[in-house]
Amino acid sequence: MAALKRTVDLSSEEIQQAWQDVRSDAAETNWVLLTYGDNGEIILCGKGSGGLNEMRKKLKDNQIYVG
């Protein structure tokens, strides 16, 4: 059986900027949350500086996230 291969596109400006912010010592951003959009593409769901409690407010039971 052949393995299913799928590429993941994280190249959107919005995702790239959020990733740079969360990795930067100069930015206050300390979390980034990604999810699937309507067309199956990965989109930025949110970012912030309020830690885990702030990020958890974005979560919905019926979604898959990467954060």
N, C-alpha and C. Protein backbone atom coordinates (compact mmCIF):
# COMPACT_ATOMS: atom_id res chain seq x y z
N MET A 1 0.85 -1.17 0.00
CA MET A 1 0.00 0.00 0.00
C MET A 1 0.90 1.24 0.00
N ALA A 2 0.62 2.15 -0.89
CA ALA A 2 1.41 3.38 -1.00
C ALA A 2 1.03 4.34 0.12
N ALA A 3 2.03 5.04 0.62
CA ALA A 3 1.80 6.02 1.69
C ALA A 3 1.15 7.27 1.10
N LEU A 4 0.24 7.83 1.83
CA LEU A 4 -0.41 9.07 1.44
C LEU A 4 0.54 10.22 1.74
N LYS A 5 0.80 11.04 0.74
CA LYS A 5 1.69 12.18 0.94
C LYS A 5 0.89 13.46 0.75
N ARG A 6 1.13 14.39 1.63
CA ARG A 6 0.44 15.67 1.56
C ARG A 6 1.43 16.75 1.98
N THR A 7 1.48 17.82 1.23
CA THR A 7 2.34 18.93 1.61
C THR A 7 1.54 19.90 2.47
N VAL A 8 2.22 20.56 3.35
CA VAL A 8 1.61 21.54 4.24
C VAL A 8 2.14 22.91 3.86
N ASP A 9 1.25 23.82 3.54
CA ASP A 9 1.65 25.16 3.12
C ASP A 9 1.50 26.13 4.28
N LEU A 10 2.63 26.56 4.80
CA LEU A 10 2.66 27.54 5.90
C LEU A 10 3.24 28.86 5.42
N SER A 11 3.14 29.13 4.13
CA SER A 11 3.83 30.27 3.54
C SER A 11 3.05 31.57 3.58
N SER A 12 1.83 31.57 4.08
CA SER A 12 1.07 32.83 4.09
C SER A 12 1.80 33.87 4.94
N GLU A 13 1.69 35.12 4.53
CA GLU A 13 2.35 36.20 5.28
C GLU A 13 1.89 36.25 6.72
N GLU A 14 0.61 36.00 6.93
CA GLU A 14 0.03 36.04 8.27
C GLU A 14 0.66 34.99 9.18
N ILE A 15 0.81 33.76 8.69
CA ILE A 15 1.42 32.69 9.47
C ILE A 15 2.90 32.96 9.68
N GLN A 16 3.59 33.39 8.64
CA GLN A 16 5.02 33.67 8.74
C GLN A 16 5.30 34.76 9.77
N GLN A 17 4.50 35.83 9.76
CA GLN A 17 4.70 36.93 10.71
C GLN A 17 4.42 36.47 12.14
N ALA A 18 3.36 35.70 12.33
CA ALA A 18 3.03 35.19 13.67
C ALA A 18 4.15 34.30 14.18
N TRP A 19 4.70 33.44 13.31
CA TRP A 19 5.80 32.55 13.70
C TRP A 19 7.04 33.36 14.09
N GLN A 20 7.35 34.38 13.31
CA GLN A 20 8.50 35.23 13.64
C GLN A 20 8.28 35.94 14.97
N ASP A 21 7.07 36.41 15.21
CA ASP A 21 6.76 37.11 16.46
C ASP A 21 6.93 36.19 17.67
N VAL A 22 6.42 34.97 17.58
CA VAL A 22 6.48 34.07 18.74
C VAL A 22 7.92 33.63 19.02
N ARG A 23 8.77 33.63 18.01
CA ARG A 23 10.17 33.25 18.20
C ARG A 23 11.07 34.43 18.59
N SER A 24 10.59 35.64 18.44
CA SER A 24 11.39 36.83 18.69
C SER A 24 11.42 37.20 20.16
N ASP A 25 12.60 37.49 20.67
CA ASP A 25 12.73 37.98 22.04
C ASP A 25 12.20 39.41 22.16
N ALA A 26 12.12 40.12 21.05
CA ALA A 26 11.68 41.52 21.06
C ALA A 26 10.16 41.65 21.07
N ALA A 27 9.45 40.61 20.64
CA ALA A 27 7.98 40.65 20.59
C ALA A 27 7.39 40.01 21.85
N GLU A 28 6.22 40.46 22.25
CA GLU A 28 5.56 39.91 23.44
C GLU A 28 4.76 38.65 23.13
N THR A 29 4.58 38.33 21.86
CA THR A 29 3.79 37.17 21.46
C THR A 29 4.38 35.90 22.05
N ASN A 30 3.55 35.10 22.74
CA ASN A 30 4.05 33.86 23.32
C ASN A 30 3.22 32.64 22.93
N TRP A 31 2.28 32.81 22.00
CA TRP A 31 1.57 31.66 21.45
C TRP A 31 1.05 31.97 20.06
N VAL A 32 0.95 30.91 19.27
CA VAL A 32 0.39 30.95 17.91
C VAL A 32 -0.51 29.73 17.78
N LEU A 33 -1.66 29.89 17.19
CA LEU A 33 -2.59 28.79 17.02
C LEU A 33 -3.01 28.70 15.56
N LEU A 34 -2.82 27.53 14.96
CA LEU A 34 -3.19 27.29 13.57
C LEU A 34 -4.32 26.26 13.54
N THR A 35 -5.14 26.34 12.50
CA THR A 35 -6.22 25.37 12.31
C THR A 35 -6.45 25.20 10.82
N TYR A 36 -7.41 24.38 10.47
CA TYR A 36 -7.76 24.17 9.06
C TYR A 36 -8.87 25.12 8.65
N GLY A 37 -8.72 25.72 7.48
CA GLY A 37 -9.75 26.58 6.91
C GLY A 37 -10.80 25.75 6.19
N ASP A 38 -11.77 26.40 5.58
CA ASP A 38 -12.87 25.73 4.89
C ASP A 38 -12.40 24.86 3.73
N ASN A 39 -11.31 25.24 3.09
CA ASN A 39 -10.81 24.49 1.93
C ASN A 39 -9.71 23.50 2.31
N GLY A 40 -9.50 23.27 3.59
CA GLY A 40 -8.47 22.34 4.04
C GLY A 40 -7.10 22.95 4.18
N GLU A 41 -6.98 24.24 3.87
CA GLU A 41 -5.69 24.91 4.02
C GLU A 41 -5.46 25.25 5.49
N ILE A 42 -4.21 25.34 5.89
CA ILE A 42 -3.89 25.72 7.27
C ILE A 42 -3.90 27.23 7.37
N ILE A 43 -4.62 27.73 8.37
CA ILE A 43 -4.77 29.17 8.55
C ILE A 43 -4.41 29.56 9.99
N LEU A 44 -4.10 30.83 10.17
CA LEU A 44 -3.84 31.36 11.50
C LEU A 44 -5.17 31.56 12.22
N CYS A 45 -5.31 30.93 13.36
CA CYS A 45 -6.52 31.06 14.17
C CYS A 45 -6.35 32.20 15.18
N GLY A 46 -5.11 32.39 15.64
CA GLY A 46 -4.87 33.46 16.59
C GLY A 46 -3.43 33.47 17.07
N LYS A 47 -3.07 34.55 17.72
CA LYS A 47 -1.77 34.69 18.37
C LYS A 47 -1.95 35.68 19.50
N GLY A 48 -1.06 35.65 20.47
CA GLY A 48 -1.21 36.59 21.56
C GLY A 48 -0.07 36.55 22.55
N SER A 49 -0.22 37.33 23.59
CA SER A 49 0.81 37.45 24.62
C SER A 49 0.26 37.09 26.00
N GLY A 50 -0.95 36.53 26.05
CA GLY A 50 -1.59 36.20 27.32
C GLY A 50 -1.42 34.77 27.77
N GLY A 51 -0.53 34.03 27.14
CA GLY A 51 -0.23 32.68 27.57
C GLY A 51 -1.32 31.67 27.27
N LEU A 52 -1.22 30.52 27.92
CA LEU A 52 -2.11 29.40 27.68
C LEU A 52 -3.57 29.74 27.94
N ASN A 53 -3.86 30.48 28.98
CA ASN A 53 -5.25 30.83 29.28
C ASN A 53 -5.89 31.62 28.14
N GLU A 54 -5.15 32.55 27.57
CA GLU A 54 -5.67 33.32 26.45
C GLU A 54 -5.87 32.43 25.22
N MET A 55 -4.90 31.56 24.95
CA MET A 55 -4.99 30.69 23.79
C MET A 55 -6.17 29.73 23.92
N ARG A 56 -6.41 29.20 25.10
CA ARG A 56 -7.50 28.24 25.31
C ARG A 56 -8.86 28.83 24.97
N LYS A 57 -9.02 30.14 25.10
CA LYS A 57 -10.29 30.79 24.76
C LYS A 57 -10.62 30.68 23.27
N LYS A 58 -9.62 30.43 22.45
CA LYS A 58 -9.82 30.30 21.00
C LYS A 58 -10.28 28.90 20.59
N LEU A 59 -10.12 27.92 21.48
CA LEU A 59 -10.36 26.53 21.13
C LEU A 59 -11.84 26.19 21.07
N LYS A 60 -12.21 25.39 20.08
CA LYS A 60 -13.56 24.86 19.93
C LYS A 60 -13.46 23.34 19.89
N ASP A 61 -14.44 22.66 20.43
CA ASP A 61 -14.42 21.20 20.53
C ASP A 61 -14.35 20.50 19.18
N ASN A 62 -14.89 21.09 18.14
CA ASN A 62 -14.99 20.41 16.85
C ASN A 62 -13.88 20.80 15.87
N GLN A 63 -12.79 21.36 16.33
CA GLN A 63 -11.69 21.79 15.48
C GLN A 63 -10.42 21.03 15.83
N ILE A 64 -9.52 20.96 14.86
CA ILE A 64 -8.17 20.43 15.06
C ILE A 64 -7.22 21.61 15.02
N TYR A 65 -6.31 21.66 15.98
CA TYR A 65 -5.39 22.79 16.09
C TYR A 65 -3.94 22.33 16.17
N VAL A 66 -3.06 23.24 15.81
CA VAL A 66 -1.63 23.11 16.06
C VAL A 66 -1.22 24.41 16.71
N GLY A 67 -0.55 24.33 17.84
CA GLY A 67 -0.18 25.56 18.54
C GLY A 67 1.12 25.42 19.27
